[in-house]
Amino acid sequence: MKIIRTVTPEITIQEFADRHRLVMSTRRVKRKGGDNRYEYRASFQNCSIETYSGVLFIEGRGDTEEEAIAAYASVITLERVLNRGTGHCILVDILDGR
């Protein structure tokens, strides 16, 4: 039996965003609970994640902007991003979160 193995290269979320002309948006929000702590949230502007059950708005969350962006990258890897501004659906590569 002949087996052909293909390795899918990982790219950074920045490379992915640049390739598809997407803009990352981050924001700092106060955590619930009244302890005066904040968290960061990250997502692509005007984009949603398309799933079999519908279109979802998803954010990455973290204690820093970098952590929020990395969390977002791990959530959207191999999903479909719907750019609501252009109407294009983009299949996401394997993202390493850097």
C-alpha atoms as a PDB file:
ATOM      1  CA  MET A   1       0.000   0.000   0.000  1.00  0.00           C
ATOM      2  CA  LYS A   2       1.266   3.442  -0.863  1.00  0.00           C
ATOM      3  CA  ILE A   3       0.697   6.177   1.702  1.00  0.00           C
ATOM      4  CA  ILE A   4       1.045   9.837   0.864  1.00  0.00           C
ATOM      5  CA  ARG A   5       1.522  11.973   3.936  1.00  0.00           C
ATOM      6  CA  THR A   6       0.994  15.694   3.810  1.00  0.00           C
ATOM      7  CA  VAL A   7       1.995  17.992   6.625  1.00  0.00           C
ATOM      8  CA  THR A   8      -0.176  21.057   6.948  1.00  0.00           C
ATOM      9  CA  PRO A   9       2.058  23.995   7.839  1.00  0.00           C
ATOM     10  CA  GLU A  10       1.187  26.142  10.807  1.00  0.00           C
ATOM     11  CA  ILE A  11       1.066  29.883  10.357  1.00  0.00           C
ATOM     12  CA  THR A  12       0.710  32.673  12.864  1.00  0.00           C
ATOM     13  CA  ILE A  13      -2.611  34.402  13.369  1.00  0.00           C
ATOM     14  CA  GLN A  14      -0.924  37.599  12.156  1.00  0.00           C
ATOM     15  CA  GLU A  15       0.086  35.925   8.864  1.00  0.00           C
ATOM     16  CA  PHE A  16      -3.460  34.612   8.461  1.00  0.00           C
ATOM     17  CA  ALA A  17      -4.967  38.054   9.135  1.00  0.00           C
ATOM     18  CA  ASP A  18      -2.566  39.746   6.711  1.00  0.00           C
ATOM     19  CA  ARG A  19      -3.259  37.179   3.992  1.00  0.00           C
ATOM     20  CA  HIS A  20      -7.022  37.746   4.235  1.00  0.00           C
ATOM     21  CA  ARG A  21      -6.929  41.470   5.116  1.00  0.00           C
ATOM     22  CA  LEU A  22      -8.560  40.933   8.506  1.00  0.00           C
ATOM     23  CA  VAL A  23      -8.228  43.324  11.444  1.00  0.00           C
ATOM     24  CA  MET A  24      -7.787  42.021  14.990  1.00  0.00           C
ATOM     25  CA  SER A  25      -9.717  43.914  17.634  1.00  0.00           C
ATOM     26  CA  THR A  26      -8.862  43.651  21.325  1.00  0.00           C
ATOM     27  CA  ARG A  27     -10.618  45.222  24.268  1.00  0.00           C
ATOM     28  CA  ARG A  28     -10.146  45.314  28.007  1.00  0.00           C
ATOM     29  CA  VAL A  29     -13.231  44.575  30.062  1.00  0.00           C
ATOM     30  CA  LYS A  30     -13.863  44.423  33.784  1.00  0.00           C
ATOM     31  CA  ARG A  31     -14.353  40.914  35.118  1.00  0.00           C
ATOM     32  CA  LYS A  32     -17.574  40.056  36.851  1.00  0.00           C
ATOM     33  CA  GLY A  33     -17.477  39.785  40.603  1.00  0.00           C
ATOM     34  CA  GLY A  34     -16.528  43.295  41.632  1.00  0.00           C
ATOM     35  CA  ASP A  35     -12.861  42.557  42.329  1.00  0.00           C
ATOM     36  CA  ASN A  36     -11.597  45.348  40.022  1.00  0.00           C
ATOM     37  CA  ARG A  37      -9.780  42.859  37.789  1.00  0.00           C
ATOM     38  CA  TYR A  38      -9.773  43.057  34.017  1.00  0.00           C
ATOM     39  CA  GLU A  39      -9.471  40.618  31.156  1.00  0.00           C
ATOM     40  CA  TYR A  40      -8.780  41.067  27.469  1.00  0.00           C
ATOM     41  CA  ARG A  41     -10.937  39.828  24.626  1.00  0.00           C
ATOM     42  CA  ALA A  42      -9.858  39.429  21.011  1.00  0.00           C
ATOM     43  CA  SER A  43     -11.602  38.730  17.708  1.00  0.00           C
ATOM     44  CA  PHE A  44     -11.463  39.747  14.064  1.00  0.00           C
ATOM     45  CA  GLN A  45     -13.538  42.832  13.269  1.00  0.00           C
ATOM     46  CA  ASN A  46     -16.787  42.173  11.366  1.00  0.00           C
ATOM     47  CA  CYS A  47     -16.257  38.404  11.494  1.00  0.00           C
ATOM     48  CA  SER A  48     -18.190  35.460  12.881  1.00  0.00           C
ATOM     49  CA  ILE A  49     -17.486  31.745  13.019  1.00  0.00           C
ATOM     50  CA  GLU A  50     -19.679  29.618  10.770  1.00  0.00           C
ATOM     51  CA  THR A  51     -20.642  26.243  12.219  1.00  0.00           C
ATOM     52  CA  TYR A  52     -23.045  23.481  11.237  1.00  0.00           C
ATOM     53  CA  SER A  53     -25.568  24.821  13.732  1.00  0.00           C
ATOM     54  CA  GLY A  54     -25.301  28.470  12.681  1.00  0.00           C
ATOM     55  CA  VAL A  55     -23.118  31.532  12.832  1.00  0.00           C
ATOM     56  CA  LEU A  56     -21.480  32.342  16.170  1.00  0.00           C
ATOM     57  CA  PHE A  57     -19.632  35.348  17.510  1.00  0.00           C
ATOM     58  CA  ILE A  58     -16.575  34.033  19.341  1.00  0.00           C
ATOM     59  CA  GLU A  59     -13.870  35.876  21.277  1.00  0.00           C
ATOM     60  CA  GLY A  60     -10.582  34.765  22.744  1.00  0.00           C
ATOM     61  CA  ARG A  61     -10.130  35.691  26.413  1.00  0.00           C
ATOM     62  CA  GLY A  62      -7.017  36.145  28.494  1.00  0.00           C
ATOM     63  CA  ASP A  63      -5.239  38.117  31.191  1.00  0.00           C
ATOM     64  CA  THR A  64      -3.200  39.914  28.486  1.00  0.00           C
ATOM     65  CA  GLU A  65      -3.831  40.891  24.872  1.00  0.00           C
ATOM     66  CA  GLU A  66      -1.355  38.215  23.765  1.00  0.00           C
ATOM     67  CA  GLU A  67      -3.188  35.513  25.743  1.00  0.00           C
ATOM     68  CA  ALA A  68      -6.548  36.614  24.324  1.00  0.00           C
ATOM     69  CA  ILE A  69      -5.228  36.523  20.748  1.00  0.00           C
ATOM     70  CA  ALA A  70      -3.638  33.096  21.310  1.00  0.00           C
ATOM     71  CA  ALA A  71      -6.913  31.804  22.780  1.00  0.00           C
ATOM     72  CA  TYR A  72      -8.820  33.154  19.768  1.00  0.00           C
ATOM     73  CA  ALA A  73      -6.353  31.490  17.402  1.00  0.00           C
ATOM     74  CA  SER A  74      -6.826  28.109  19.082  1.00  0.00           C
ATOM     75  CA  VAL A  75     -10.624  28.411  18.933  1.00  0.00           C
ATOM     76  CA  ILE A  76     -10.857  29.358  15.244  1.00  0.00           C
ATOM     77  CA  THR A  77      -8.212  26.911  13.945  1.00  0.00           C
ATOM     78  CA  LEU A  78      -9.747  24.732  11.192  1.00  0.00           C
ATOM     79  CA  GLU A  79     -13.079  26.569  11.438  1.00  0.00           C
ATOM     80  CA  ARG A  80     -14.716  28.840   8.857  1.00  0.00           C
ATOM     81  CA  VAL A  81     -14.590  32.589   9.410  1.00  0.00           C
ATOM     82  CA  LEU A  82     -17.420  34.557   7.839  1.00  0.00           C
ATOM     83  CA  ASN A  83     -16.325  38.093   6.966  1.00  0.00           C
ATOM     84  CA  ARG A  84     -19.588  39.998   7.305  1.00  0.00           C
ATOM     85  CA  GLY A  85     -18.117  43.022   5.518  1.00  0.00           C
ATOM     86  CA  THR A  86     -17.344  41.158   2.283  1.00  0.00           C
ATOM     87  CA  GLY A  87     -19.570  38.100   2.654  1.00  0.00           C
ATOM     88  CA  HIS A  88     -16.571  35.797   2.127  1.00  0.00           C
ATOM     89  CA  CYS A  89     -16.198  32.562   4.050  1.00  0.00           C
ATOM     90  CA  ILE A  90     -12.565  31.723   4.845  1.00  0.00           C
ATOM     91  CA  LEU A  91     -11.316  28.291   5.940  1.00  0.00           C
ATOM     92  CA  VAL A  92      -8.845  28.880   8.752  1.00  0.00           C
ATOM     93  CA  ASP A  93      -5.413  27.257   8.605  1.00  0.00           C
ATOM     94  CA  ILE A  94      -3.759  25.659  11.607  1.00  0.00           C
ATOM     95  CA  LEU A  95      -2.789  28.657  13.710  1.00  0.00           C
ATOM     96  CA  ASP A  96      -0.056  28.601  16.306  1.00  0.00           C
ATOM     97  CA  GLY A  97      -1.229  31.684  18.206  1.00  0.00           C
ATOM     98  CA  ARG A  98       2.018  33.644  18.023  1.00  0.00           C
END
